[in-house]
N, C-alpha and C. Protein backbone atom coordinates (compact mmCIF):
# COMPACT_ATOMS: atom_id res chain seq x y z
N MET A 1 7.90 -21.90 42.30
CA MET A 1 8.83 -20.92 41.77
C MET A 1 9.44 -21.41 40.45
N LYS A 2 9.88 -22.69 40.44
CA LYS A 2 10.47 -23.23 39.22
C LYS A 2 9.45 -23.26 38.09
N ALA A 3 8.20 -23.57 38.43
CA ALA A 3 7.15 -23.61 37.41
C ALA A 3 6.92 -22.23 36.81
N THR A 4 6.98 -21.18 37.62
CA THR A 4 6.80 -19.81 37.15
C THR A 4 7.93 -19.42 36.20
N VAL A 5 9.15 -19.75 36.57
CA VAL A 5 10.31 -19.46 35.71
C VAL A 5 10.19 -20.24 34.40
N PHE A 6 9.83 -21.51 34.51
CA PHE A 6 9.69 -22.34 33.32
C PHE A 6 8.61 -21.78 32.39
N ILE A 7 7.45 -21.43 32.94
CA ILE A 7 6.36 -20.89 32.12
C ILE A 7 6.75 -19.55 31.51
N SER A 8 7.42 -18.72 32.28
CA SER A 8 7.86 -17.42 31.76
C SER A 8 8.85 -17.60 30.62
N THR A 9 9.79 -18.52 30.80
CA THR A 9 10.78 -18.80 29.75
C THR A 9 10.10 -19.37 28.51
N LEU A 10 9.18 -20.29 28.71
CA LEU A 10 8.45 -20.88 27.59
C LEU A 10 7.65 -19.82 26.83
N PHE A 11 6.97 -18.96 27.57
CA PHE A 11 6.19 -17.88 26.94
C PHE A 11 7.11 -16.95 26.14
N PHE A 12 8.27 -16.61 26.70
CA PHE A 12 9.23 -15.74 26.01
C PHE A 12 9.70 -16.39 24.72
N LEU A 13 10.05 -17.67 24.78
CA LEU A 13 10.52 -18.37 23.59
C LEU A 13 9.43 -18.48 22.52
N LEU A 14 8.21 -18.74 22.94
CA LEU A 14 7.11 -18.80 21.97
C LEU A 14 6.89 -17.45 21.31
N THR A 15 6.99 -16.39 22.10
CA THR A 15 6.84 -15.04 21.56
C THR A 15 7.95 -14.75 20.56
N LEU A 16 9.17 -15.14 20.91
CA LEU A 16 10.32 -14.90 20.04
C LEU A 16 10.19 -15.67 18.73
N VAL A 17 9.77 -16.92 18.81
CA VAL A 17 9.62 -17.76 17.61
C VAL A 17 8.46 -17.27 16.74
N SER A 18 7.41 -16.77 17.35
CA SER A 18 6.24 -16.36 16.57
C SER A 18 6.44 -15.03 15.86
N CYS A 19 7.44 -14.27 16.24
CA CYS A 19 7.72 -13.00 15.56
C CYS A 19 8.23 -13.31 14.17
N ASN A 20 7.61 -12.72 13.19
CA ASN A 20 7.98 -12.96 11.81
C ASN A 20 9.01 -11.93 11.38
N SER A 21 10.19 -12.39 10.98
CA SER A 21 11.24 -11.45 10.58
C SER A 21 11.25 -11.22 9.07
N GLU A 22 10.33 -11.85 8.35
CA GLU A 22 10.27 -11.64 6.91
C GLU A 22 9.82 -10.21 6.62
N PRO A 23 10.36 -9.61 5.56
CA PRO A 23 9.93 -8.26 5.22
C PRO A 23 8.48 -8.26 4.72
N THR A 24 7.74 -7.25 5.12
CA THR A 24 6.38 -7.06 4.64
C THR A 24 6.25 -5.61 4.18
N LEU A 25 5.23 -5.34 3.41
CA LEU A 25 5.01 -3.96 2.99
C LEU A 25 4.75 -3.06 4.18
N GLN A 26 4.02 -3.56 5.15
CA GLN A 26 3.73 -2.75 6.33
C GLN A 26 5.02 -2.37 7.05
N LYS A 27 5.92 -3.33 7.24
CA LYS A 27 7.22 -3.04 7.86
C LYS A 27 8.01 -2.06 7.01
N TYR A 28 7.98 -2.26 5.70
CA TYR A 28 8.71 -1.38 4.78
C TYR A 28 8.20 0.05 4.91
N PHE A 29 6.88 0.22 4.97
CA PHE A 29 6.30 1.55 5.13
C PHE A 29 6.78 2.19 6.43
N VAL A 30 6.72 1.44 7.52
CA VAL A 30 7.12 1.96 8.83
C VAL A 30 8.60 2.35 8.84
N GLU A 31 9.44 1.48 8.29
CA GLU A 31 10.88 1.74 8.30
C GLU A 31 11.29 2.93 7.44
N ASN A 32 10.52 3.23 6.40
CA ASN A 32 10.96 4.26 5.45
C ASN A 32 10.16 5.55 5.47
N SER A 33 9.07 5.59 6.18
CA SER A 33 8.18 6.76 6.12
C SER A 33 8.83 8.06 6.59
N GLU A 34 9.84 7.98 7.42
CA GLU A 34 10.49 9.19 7.93
C GLU A 34 11.80 9.53 7.22
N LYS A 35 12.23 8.70 6.27
CA LYS A 35 13.49 8.95 5.58
C LYS A 35 13.36 10.11 4.59
N LYS A 36 14.47 10.79 4.33
CA LYS A 36 14.43 12.04 3.57
C LYS A 36 13.94 11.91 2.12
N ASP A 37 14.23 10.83 1.45
CA ASP A 37 13.81 10.70 0.05
C ASP A 37 12.41 10.10 -0.10
N PHE A 38 11.76 9.82 1.01
CA PHE A 38 10.43 9.22 1.00
C PHE A 38 9.38 10.21 1.49
N ILE A 39 8.18 9.98 1.04
CA ILE A 39 7.03 10.67 1.63
C ILE A 39 5.94 9.63 1.84
N ALA A 40 5.30 9.70 2.99
CA ALA A 40 4.25 8.74 3.32
C ALA A 40 2.96 9.49 3.58
N LEU A 41 1.87 8.94 3.09
CA LEU A 41 0.54 9.52 3.29
C LEU A 41 -0.44 8.42 3.66
N ASP A 42 -1.33 8.75 4.56
CA ASP A 42 -2.48 7.89 4.84
C ASP A 42 -3.70 8.67 4.36
N VAL A 43 -4.46 8.06 3.49
CA VAL A 43 -5.61 8.74 2.87
C VAL A 43 -6.88 8.01 3.26
N SER A 44 -7.83 8.76 3.78
CA SER A 44 -9.11 8.17 4.21
C SER A 44 -10.13 8.23 3.07
N PRO A 45 -11.22 7.46 3.17
CA PRO A 45 -12.24 7.45 2.12
C PRO A 45 -12.89 8.82 1.91
N ASN A 46 -12.85 9.68 2.92
CA ASN A 46 -13.50 10.99 2.74
C ASN A 46 -12.77 11.89 1.75
N ILE A 47 -11.61 11.46 1.26
CA ILE A 47 -10.91 12.23 0.23
C ILE A 47 -11.78 12.32 -1.04
N LEU A 48 -12.63 11.32 -1.23
CA LEU A 48 -13.45 11.29 -2.44
C LEU A 48 -14.52 12.37 -2.43
N ASN A 49 -14.94 12.80 -1.25
CA ASN A 49 -15.87 13.91 -1.13
C ASN A 49 -17.10 13.72 -2.03
N VAL A 50 -17.78 12.59 -1.85
CA VAL A 50 -18.97 12.28 -2.66
C VAL A 50 -20.23 12.35 -1.81
N ASP A 51 -21.33 12.64 -2.48
CA ASP A 51 -22.64 12.64 -1.83
C ASP A 51 -23.15 11.20 -1.85
N LYS A 52 -23.08 10.52 -0.71
CA LYS A 52 -23.44 9.10 -0.64
C LYS A 52 -24.90 8.85 -0.99
N THR A 53 -25.75 9.86 -0.87
CA THR A 53 -27.17 9.68 -1.20
C THR A 53 -27.37 9.53 -2.70
N LYS A 54 -26.40 9.98 -3.49
CA LYS A 54 -26.51 9.88 -4.95
C LYS A 54 -25.84 8.64 -5.51
N LEU A 55 -25.32 7.79 -4.64
CA LEU A 55 -24.62 6.59 -5.09
C LEU A 55 -25.60 5.41 -5.16
N SER A 56 -25.33 4.52 -6.10
CA SER A 56 -26.14 3.30 -6.21
C SER A 56 -25.77 2.35 -5.07
N ALA A 57 -26.54 1.30 -4.90
CA ALA A 57 -26.26 0.30 -3.86
C ALA A 57 -24.88 -0.32 -4.09
N GLU A 58 -24.56 -0.61 -5.35
CA GLU A 58 -23.27 -1.20 -5.70
C GLU A 58 -22.13 -0.23 -5.36
N GLN A 59 -22.32 1.06 -5.65
CA GLN A 59 -21.29 2.05 -5.35
C GLN A 59 -21.11 2.22 -3.84
N ASN A 60 -22.21 2.21 -3.10
CA ASN A 60 -22.12 2.31 -1.64
C ASN A 60 -21.40 1.09 -1.06
N GLU A 61 -21.69 -0.08 -1.59
CA GLU A 61 -21.02 -1.30 -1.13
C GLU A 61 -19.51 -1.20 -1.38
N ALA A 62 -19.14 -0.74 -2.56
CA ALA A 62 -17.72 -0.59 -2.90
C ALA A 62 -17.04 0.42 -1.98
N LEU A 63 -17.70 1.55 -1.76
CA LEU A 63 -17.13 2.59 -0.90
C LEU A 63 -17.00 2.10 0.54
N ASN A 64 -17.98 1.34 1.00
CA ASN A 64 -17.93 0.82 2.37
C ASN A 64 -16.88 -0.27 2.56
N SER A 65 -16.46 -0.92 1.48
CA SER A 65 -15.43 -1.96 1.59
C SER A 65 -14.03 -1.36 1.71
N PHE A 66 -13.90 -0.10 1.42
CA PHE A 66 -12.62 0.60 1.40
C PHE A 66 -12.40 1.31 2.73
N ASP A 67 -11.30 0.97 3.44
CA ASP A 67 -11.01 1.58 4.73
C ASP A 67 -10.06 2.77 4.60
N LYS A 68 -8.93 2.56 3.93
CA LYS A 68 -7.96 3.64 3.76
C LYS A 68 -6.92 3.25 2.73
N MET A 69 -6.13 4.24 2.35
CA MET A 69 -4.99 4.03 1.46
C MET A 69 -3.74 4.50 2.17
N ASN A 70 -2.68 3.71 2.05
CA ASN A 70 -1.36 4.13 2.51
C ASN A 70 -0.52 4.32 1.26
N ILE A 71 0.14 5.46 1.17
CA ILE A 71 0.98 5.75 0.02
C ILE A 71 2.39 6.02 0.51
N LEU A 72 3.36 5.38 -0.12
CA LEU A 72 4.77 5.63 0.16
C LEU A 72 5.44 5.89 -1.17
N ALA A 73 6.07 7.05 -1.30
CA ALA A 73 6.70 7.41 -2.57
C ALA A 73 8.17 7.74 -2.33
N PHE A 74 9.00 7.32 -3.26
CA PHE A 74 10.43 7.63 -3.25
C PHE A 74 10.70 8.56 -4.41
N LYS A 75 11.22 9.73 -4.13
CA LYS A 75 11.53 10.71 -5.17
C LYS A 75 12.96 10.52 -5.62
N ALA A 76 13.14 10.07 -6.86
CA ALA A 76 14.48 9.84 -7.41
C ALA A 76 15.01 11.12 -8.05
N ASP A 77 16.31 11.28 -7.96
CA ASP A 77 17.00 12.36 -8.68
C ASP A 77 18.39 11.85 -9.06
N LYS A 78 19.18 12.69 -9.68
CA LYS A 78 20.49 12.23 -10.18
C LYS A 78 21.45 11.86 -9.04
N ASN A 79 21.18 12.34 -7.82
CA ASN A 79 22.07 12.09 -6.70
C ASN A 79 21.73 10.84 -5.89
N ASN A 80 20.58 10.25 -6.12
CA ASN A 80 20.20 9.09 -5.29
C ASN A 80 19.80 7.86 -6.12
N GLN A 81 20.36 7.72 -7.30
CA GLN A 81 20.00 6.60 -8.17
C GLN A 81 20.36 5.24 -7.57
N ALA A 82 21.50 5.16 -6.86
CA ALA A 82 21.88 3.88 -6.24
C ALA A 82 20.87 3.50 -5.16
N GLU A 83 20.48 4.47 -4.33
CA GLU A 83 19.48 4.20 -3.29
C GLU A 83 18.13 3.85 -3.91
N PHE A 84 17.78 4.54 -5.01
CA PHE A 84 16.53 4.25 -5.72
C PHE A 84 16.51 2.79 -6.16
N GLU A 85 17.60 2.32 -6.77
CA GLU A 85 17.67 0.94 -7.24
C GLU A 85 17.57 -0.04 -6.07
N THR A 86 18.25 0.27 -4.96
CA THR A 86 18.21 -0.59 -3.78
C THR A 86 16.79 -0.69 -3.23
N GLU A 87 16.13 0.45 -3.08
CA GLU A 87 14.79 0.47 -2.50
C GLU A 87 13.77 -0.18 -3.44
N ARG A 88 13.90 0.07 -4.73
CA ARG A 88 12.99 -0.56 -5.69
C ARG A 88 13.14 -2.08 -5.67
N THR A 89 14.36 -2.55 -5.56
CA THR A 89 14.62 -3.99 -5.48
C THR A 89 13.99 -4.59 -4.22
N LYS A 90 14.05 -3.87 -3.09
CA LYS A 90 13.43 -4.34 -1.84
C LYS A 90 11.92 -4.50 -2.02
N VAL A 91 11.28 -3.49 -2.63
CA VAL A 91 9.82 -3.56 -2.82
C VAL A 91 9.46 -4.71 -3.75
N LYS A 92 10.21 -4.87 -4.84
CA LYS A 92 9.93 -5.97 -5.77
C LYS A 92 10.07 -7.32 -5.07
N ALA A 93 11.07 -7.45 -4.20
CA ALA A 93 11.27 -8.70 -3.47
C ALA A 93 10.09 -8.98 -2.53
N ILE A 94 9.60 -7.95 -1.86
CA ILE A 94 8.45 -8.13 -0.96
C ILE A 94 7.24 -8.58 -1.77
N LEU A 95 7.02 -7.96 -2.93
CA LEU A 95 5.85 -8.28 -3.75
C LEU A 95 5.94 -9.66 -4.40
N LYS A 96 7.12 -10.28 -4.39
CA LYS A 96 7.26 -11.63 -4.94
C LYS A 96 6.79 -12.69 -3.94
N ASP A 97 6.55 -12.29 -2.69
CA ASP A 97 6.03 -13.22 -1.69
C ASP A 97 4.71 -13.79 -2.19
N SER A 98 4.48 -15.06 -1.91
CA SER A 98 3.29 -15.74 -2.44
C SER A 98 1.98 -15.15 -1.93
N LYS A 99 2.00 -14.40 -0.84
CA LYS A 99 0.74 -13.82 -0.35
C LYS A 99 0.24 -12.69 -1.26
N TYR A 100 1.15 -12.10 -2.04
CA TYR A 100 0.75 -11.07 -2.99
C TYR A 100 0.49 -11.72 -4.35
N GLN A 101 -0.77 -11.73 -4.76
CA GLN A 101 -1.14 -12.33 -6.03
C GLN A 101 -1.22 -11.22 -7.08
N GLU A 102 -0.44 -11.35 -8.12
CA GLU A 102 -0.40 -10.30 -9.15
C GLU A 102 -1.63 -10.38 -10.05
N LEU A 103 -2.33 -9.25 -10.16
CA LEU A 103 -3.50 -9.16 -11.04
C LEU A 103 -3.08 -8.75 -12.45
N MET A 104 -2.24 -7.72 -12.51
CA MET A 104 -1.79 -7.25 -13.82
C MET A 104 -0.47 -6.52 -13.69
N LYS A 105 0.19 -6.41 -14.81
CA LYS A 105 1.48 -5.75 -14.87
C LYS A 105 1.54 -5.01 -16.20
N PHE A 106 2.05 -3.79 -16.19
CA PHE A 106 2.21 -3.09 -17.45
C PHE A 106 3.50 -2.33 -17.45
N GLY A 107 3.94 -1.96 -18.64
CA GLY A 107 5.23 -1.30 -18.81
C GLY A 107 6.26 -2.29 -19.28
N SER A 108 7.47 -1.78 -19.47
CA SER A 108 8.54 -2.65 -19.93
C SER A 108 9.86 -2.20 -19.32
N GLY A 109 10.80 -3.12 -19.28
CA GLY A 109 12.12 -2.79 -18.77
C GLY A 109 12.08 -2.29 -17.34
N LYS A 110 12.70 -1.15 -17.10
CA LYS A 110 12.84 -0.61 -15.75
C LYS A 110 11.64 0.25 -15.33
N ASP A 111 10.77 0.64 -16.28
CA ASP A 111 9.61 1.46 -15.96
C ASP A 111 8.36 0.60 -16.05
N GLY A 112 7.42 0.87 -15.16
CA GLY A 112 6.19 0.11 -15.25
C GLY A 112 5.39 0.15 -13.97
N ALA A 113 4.38 -0.69 -13.94
CA ALA A 113 3.50 -0.74 -12.78
C ALA A 113 2.92 -2.14 -12.65
N SER A 114 2.49 -2.45 -11.43
CA SER A 114 1.83 -3.72 -11.20
C SER A 114 0.72 -3.51 -10.19
N VAL A 115 -0.28 -4.37 -10.28
CA VAL A 115 -1.38 -4.38 -9.31
C VAL A 115 -1.45 -5.79 -8.74
N SER A 116 -1.37 -5.88 -7.42
CA SER A 116 -1.43 -7.17 -6.74
C SER A 116 -2.48 -7.08 -5.64
N TYR A 117 -2.82 -8.24 -5.08
CA TYR A 117 -3.76 -8.22 -3.97
C TYR A 117 -3.42 -9.30 -2.95
N VAL A 118 -3.95 -9.11 -1.74
CA VAL A 118 -3.80 -10.07 -0.65
C VAL A 118 -5.20 -10.53 -0.27
N GLY A 119 -5.39 -11.83 -0.20
CA GLY A 119 -6.69 -12.38 0.16
C GLY A 119 -7.18 -13.32 -0.92
N SER A 120 -8.47 -13.62 -0.88
CA SER A 120 -9.07 -14.48 -1.90
C SER A 120 -9.82 -13.60 -2.90
N ASP A 121 -10.24 -14.18 -4.01
CA ASP A 121 -10.90 -13.42 -5.06
C ASP A 121 -12.12 -12.64 -4.58
N ASP A 122 -12.84 -13.19 -3.62
CA ASP A 122 -14.06 -12.53 -3.17
C ASP A 122 -13.93 -11.89 -1.78
N ASN A 123 -12.73 -11.94 -1.21
CA ASN A 123 -12.49 -11.29 0.09
C ASN A 123 -11.08 -10.74 0.10
N ILE A 124 -10.88 -9.68 -0.65
CA ILE A 124 -9.57 -9.06 -0.76
C ILE A 124 -9.40 -8.09 0.41
N LYS A 125 -8.28 -8.22 1.09
CA LYS A 125 -8.00 -7.37 2.23
C LYS A 125 -7.12 -6.17 1.86
N GLU A 126 -6.37 -6.33 0.76
CA GLU A 126 -5.43 -5.28 0.38
C GLU A 126 -5.12 -5.36 -1.11
N PHE A 127 -5.23 -4.23 -1.78
CA PHE A 127 -4.73 -4.09 -3.15
C PHE A 127 -3.42 -3.32 -3.06
N VAL A 128 -2.44 -3.70 -3.86
CA VAL A 128 -1.16 -3.01 -3.87
C VAL A 128 -0.85 -2.57 -5.29
N ILE A 129 -0.64 -1.28 -5.43
CA ILE A 129 -0.25 -0.73 -6.73
C ILE A 129 1.19 -0.26 -6.58
N PHE A 130 2.06 -0.76 -7.44
CA PHE A 130 3.47 -0.39 -7.42
C PHE A 130 3.82 0.17 -8.79
N ALA A 131 4.21 1.44 -8.81
CA ALA A 131 4.58 2.09 -10.07
C ALA A 131 5.97 2.68 -9.92
N ASN A 132 6.79 2.54 -10.96
CA ASN A 132 8.13 3.10 -10.88
C ASN A 132 8.62 3.58 -12.23
N ARG A 133 9.45 4.60 -12.14
CA ARG A 133 10.09 5.17 -13.32
C ARG A 133 11.44 5.71 -12.86
N LYS A 134 12.48 5.33 -13.54
CA LYS A 134 13.84 5.66 -13.12
C LYS A 134 14.04 7.16 -12.90
N GLU A 135 13.46 7.99 -13.76
CA GLU A 135 13.66 9.44 -13.67
C GLU A 135 12.91 10.06 -12.50
N ASN A 136 11.76 9.47 -12.12
CA ASN A 136 10.90 10.08 -11.11
C ASN A 136 10.96 9.40 -9.75
N GLY A 137 11.14 8.10 -9.73
CA GLY A 137 11.11 7.35 -8.49
C GLY A 137 10.04 6.29 -8.54
N PHE A 138 9.51 5.94 -7.38
CA PHE A 138 8.45 4.95 -7.35
C PHE A 138 7.44 5.29 -6.26
N ALA A 139 6.29 4.67 -6.38
CA ALA A 139 5.25 4.81 -5.37
C ALA A 139 4.62 3.45 -5.13
N VAL A 140 4.32 3.19 -3.87
CA VAL A 140 3.60 1.98 -3.48
C VAL A 140 2.32 2.46 -2.81
N VAL A 141 1.19 1.99 -3.33
CA VAL A 141 -0.11 2.37 -2.77
C VAL A 141 -0.78 1.10 -2.25
N ARG A 142 -1.11 1.13 -0.98
CA ARG A 142 -1.85 0.02 -0.36
C ARG A 142 -3.28 0.47 -0.16
N VAL A 143 -4.22 -0.20 -0.81
CA VAL A 143 -5.64 0.09 -0.62
C VAL A 143 -6.15 -0.99 0.32
N LEU A 144 -6.51 -0.58 1.53
CA LEU A 144 -6.90 -1.53 2.57
C LEU A 144 -8.41 -1.51 2.77
N GLY A 145 -8.97 -2.67 3.03
CA GLY A 145 -10.41 -2.77 3.25
C GLY A 145 -10.82 -4.16 3.68
N GLU A 146 -12.11 -4.36 3.72
CA GLU A 146 -12.67 -5.67 4.08
C GLU A 146 -13.65 -6.09 2.99
N ASP A 147 -13.62 -7.37 2.67
CA ASP A 147 -14.54 -7.94 1.68
C ASP A 147 -14.50 -7.20 0.34
N MET A 148 -13.33 -6.70 -0.03
CA MET A 148 -13.20 -6.06 -1.35
C MET A 148 -13.09 -7.17 -2.40
N ASN A 149 -13.44 -6.82 -3.62
CA ASN A 149 -13.26 -7.73 -4.74
C ASN A 149 -12.91 -6.88 -5.95
N PRO A 150 -12.48 -7.49 -7.05
CA PRO A 150 -12.10 -6.69 -8.22
C PRO A 150 -13.23 -5.76 -8.70
N ASN A 151 -14.47 -6.20 -8.58
CA ASN A 151 -15.59 -5.33 -8.99
C ASN A 151 -15.66 -4.08 -8.12
N ASN A 152 -15.40 -4.24 -6.81
CA ASN A 152 -15.40 -3.08 -5.91
C ASN A 152 -14.35 -2.06 -6.36
N ILE A 153 -13.19 -2.55 -6.75
CA ILE A 153 -12.12 -1.64 -7.17
C ILE A 153 -12.52 -0.91 -8.44
N MET A 154 -13.11 -1.62 -9.38
CA MET A 154 -13.55 -0.98 -10.63
C MET A 154 -14.63 0.06 -10.32
N THR A 155 -15.54 -0.28 -9.41
CA THR A 155 -16.60 0.65 -9.01
C THR A 155 -16.00 1.86 -8.30
N LEU A 156 -15.00 1.63 -7.44
CA LEU A 156 -14.32 2.75 -6.77
C LEU A 156 -13.67 3.67 -7.79
N MET A 157 -13.12 3.09 -8.85
CA MET A 157 -12.51 3.92 -9.90
C MET A 157 -13.56 4.82 -10.55
N SER A 158 -14.76 4.28 -10.77
CA SER A 158 -15.81 5.10 -11.38
C SER A 158 -16.26 6.20 -10.41
N ILE A 159 -16.31 5.88 -9.11
CA ILE A 159 -16.65 6.89 -8.10
C ILE A 159 -15.56 7.96 -8.08
N LEU A 160 -14.33 7.54 -8.17
CA LEU A 160 -13.19 8.46 -8.17
C LEU A 160 -13.29 9.46 -9.31
N GLN A 161 -13.69 9.00 -10.47
CA GLN A 161 -13.82 9.89 -11.63
C GLN A 161 -14.89 10.95 -11.42
N LYS A 162 -15.93 10.62 -10.67
CA LYS A 162 -17.04 11.55 -10.47
C LYS A 162 -16.88 12.40 -9.20
N SER A 163 -15.87 12.07 -8.38
CA SER A 163 -15.74 12.72 -7.08
C SER A 163 -15.06 14.09 -7.18
N LYS A 164 -15.22 14.83 -6.11
CA LYS A 164 -14.52 16.10 -5.94
C LYS A 164 -13.43 15.83 -4.92
N ILE A 165 -12.29 15.38 -5.40
CA ILE A 165 -11.22 14.93 -4.51
C ILE A 165 -10.73 16.07 -3.62
N ASP A 166 -10.60 15.77 -2.34
CA ASP A 166 -10.08 16.71 -1.36
C ASP A 166 -8.56 16.76 -1.51
N MET A 167 -8.07 17.71 -2.29
CA MET A 167 -6.65 17.80 -2.61
C MET A 167 -5.79 18.12 -1.40
N GLU A 168 -6.39 18.61 -0.33
CA GLU A 168 -5.64 18.94 0.89
C GLU A 168 -4.92 17.70 1.43
N GLN A 169 -5.56 16.53 1.35
CA GLN A 169 -4.95 15.30 1.84
C GLN A 169 -3.76 14.88 0.98
N LEU A 170 -3.71 15.36 -0.26
CA LEU A 170 -2.63 14.98 -1.17
C LEU A 170 -1.52 16.03 -1.27
N LYS A 171 -1.63 17.12 -0.53
CA LYS A 171 -0.64 18.20 -0.60
C LYS A 171 0.80 17.71 -0.43
N PRO A 172 1.10 16.85 0.59
CA PRO A 172 2.48 16.41 0.74
C PRO A 172 3.02 15.68 -0.50
N LEU A 173 2.18 14.90 -1.16
CA LEU A 173 2.60 14.21 -2.36
C LEU A 173 2.83 15.18 -3.51
N GLN A 174 1.98 16.19 -3.64
CA GLN A 174 2.16 17.21 -4.66
C GLN A 174 3.48 17.95 -4.45
N GLU A 175 3.80 18.25 -3.20
CA GLU A 175 5.04 18.96 -2.90
C GLU A 175 6.25 18.11 -3.30
N LEU A 176 6.19 16.81 -3.05
CA LEU A 176 7.29 15.93 -3.41
C LEU A 176 7.51 15.94 -4.92
N LEU A 177 6.42 15.91 -5.68
CA LEU A 177 6.54 15.84 -7.13
C LEU A 177 7.08 17.14 -7.73
N LYS A 178 6.94 18.26 -7.04
CA LYS A 178 7.44 19.54 -7.53
C LYS A 178 8.95 19.66 -7.40
N LYS A 179 9.53 18.97 -6.43
CA LYS A 179 10.98 19.10 -6.15
C LYS A 179 11.81 18.55 -7.27
C-alpha cells in the first residue's frame, strides 16, 4: 500500500515538474483564438487547389512537406490600442525564445515583419511569419510540416503564385479585415 502511494505521488510530482509553463506560440494561439479582437484560422494544403500531376518532383516534395498553416490575427482599432501593444509585446517575447531562429526581418520602428523557424536548417518543423502594423493589427502565421527547408518554402511560394487559392478557407480573415 505504501509503495503504491509513494509511486503515485512520485508520478504526480514528475508530471507536475515536466509541465512547461513557458509561453509558446501554440499556447498563445489556444489562449487567444476565441477572444473578440482575434481571429484564428487553420488552413490545409488543399487551399492551394493545384493539379499535382503538373508539378515537378521538387514542387511535389515541397508540397508534401507542408502539413498546415495556423493563422492568428489581431484587428487593431482606435479603441484597443493598449491591448494591441500588450498582445504584440507577448508575441515578440515568445519569438525571442532561442528555439525560434530568425531568418529575416523587414520594416522599421513599430511596423514590420519577421520570418523565423523551429528546427535545423534541413529539417524545419515550423516557419513563423509575424507581421504587424499599428493601424491594422498583427498576424502570426505558423507553417507546420516535416522535413521542410528554406528551398521548400521558396518552392511553395512559387506554387502559391500559380495556384487557384480556395478563398472559402480565408473568408473569416477577409471579414476581419473589412471591419
